[in-house]
C-alpha atoms as a PDB file:
ATOM      1  CA  MET A   1     117.897 103.074 132.741  1.00  0.00           C
ATOM      2  CA  ASP A   2     114.140 103.403 132.966  1.00  0.00           C
ATOM      3  CA  GLU A   3     113.782 103.728 129.229  1.00  0.00           C
ATOM      4  CA  SER A   4     115.668 100.504 128.554  1.00  0.00           C
ATOM      5  CA  LEU A   5     113.619  98.640 131.227  1.00  0.00           C
ATOM      6  CA  ILE A   6     110.350  99.845 129.609  1.00  0.00           C
ATOM      7  CA  LEU A   7     111.743  98.879 126.147  1.00  0.00           C
ATOM      8  CA  LEU A   8     112.528  95.379 127.296  1.00  0.00           C
ATOM      9  CA  ILE A   9     109.140  94.940 128.956  1.00  0.00           C
ATOM     10  CA  VAL A  10     107.319  96.022 125.834  1.00  0.00           C
ATOM     11  CA  LEU A  11     109.536  93.751 123.690  1.00  0.00           C
ATOM     12  CA  SER A  12     108.996  90.790 125.934  1.00  0.00           C
ATOM     13  CA  LEU A  13     105.180  91.342 125.875  1.00  0.00           C
ATOM     14  CA  CYS A  14     105.335  91.557 122.059  1.00  0.00           C
ATOM     15  CA  LEU A  15     107.279  88.435 121.775  1.00  0.00           C
ATOM     16  CA  GLY A  16     105.113  86.576 124.300  1.00  0.00           C
ATOM     17  CA  GLY A  17     101.938  87.636 122.449  1.00  0.00           C
ATOM     18  CA  GLY A  18     103.404  86.501 119.115  1.00  0.00           C
ATOM     19  CA  CYS A  19     104.283  83.145 120.498  1.00  0.00           C
ATOM     20  CA  TRP A  20     100.856  82.781 121.926  1.00  0.00           C
ATOM     21  CA  LEU A  21      99.187  83.664 118.605  1.00  0.00           C
ATOM     22  CA  ILE A  22     101.319  81.190 116.825  1.00  0.00           C
ATOM     23  CA  PHE A  23     100.358  78.509 119.377  1.00  0.00           C
ATOM     24  CA  ILE A  24      96.648  79.281 118.910  1.00  0.00           C
ATOM     25  CA  TRP A  25      97.031  79.179 115.159  1.00  0.00           C
ATOM     26  CA  ALA A  26      98.842  75.787 115.335  1.00  0.00           C
ATOM     27  CA  VAL A  27      96.095  74.301 117.644  1.00  0.00           C
ATOM     28  CA  ARG A  28      93.381  75.500 115.336  1.00  0.00           C
ATOM     29  CA  LYS A  29      95.221  74.088 112.303  1.00  0.00           C
ATOM     30  CA  GLY A  30      95.517  70.622 113.910  1.00  0.00           C
ATOM     31  CA  GLU A  31      99.216  70.535 114.538  1.00  0.00           C
ATOM     32  CA  PHE A  32      98.672  68.804 117.847  1.00  0.00           C
ATOM     33  CA  GLU A  33      96.522  65.968 116.766  1.00  0.00           C
ATOM     34  CA  ASP A  34      97.153  62.338 117.959  1.00  0.00           C
ATOM     35  CA  VAL A  35      99.918  60.966 115.795  1.00  0.00           C
ATOM     36  CA  GLU A  36      99.827  57.516 117.473  1.00  0.00           C
ATOM     37  CA  LYS A  37      96.263  56.673 116.326  1.00  0.00           C
ATOM     38  CA  PRO A  38      97.144  55.784 112.686  1.00  0.00           C
ATOM     39  CA  LYS A  39      99.834  53.404 113.732  1.00  0.00           C
ATOM     40  CA  HIS A  40      97.542  51.532 116.052  1.00  0.00           C
ATOM     41  CA  ARG A  41      94.648  51.693 113.602  1.00  0.00           C
ATOM     42  CA  MET A  42      96.884  49.916 110.976  1.00  0.00           C
ATOM     43  CA  LEU A  43      97.336  47.039 113.260  1.00  0.00           C
ATOM     44  CA  ASP A  44      93.655  46.462 113.827  1.00  0.00           C
ATOM     45  CA  ASP A  45      92.110  43.812 111.559  1.00  0.00           C
ATOM     46  CA  GLU A  46      88.464  44.969 111.774  1.00  0.00           C
END
């Protein structure tokens, strides 16, 4: 029982770390930029 618990903890830490790395990569790539700005800029007549 202890071996399976340790395995699950290690697996969850690996999955969590992988998700965190993907999130950091997406932020640096610019995936979370403002998507509303181009719509509003199109309506401005400057």
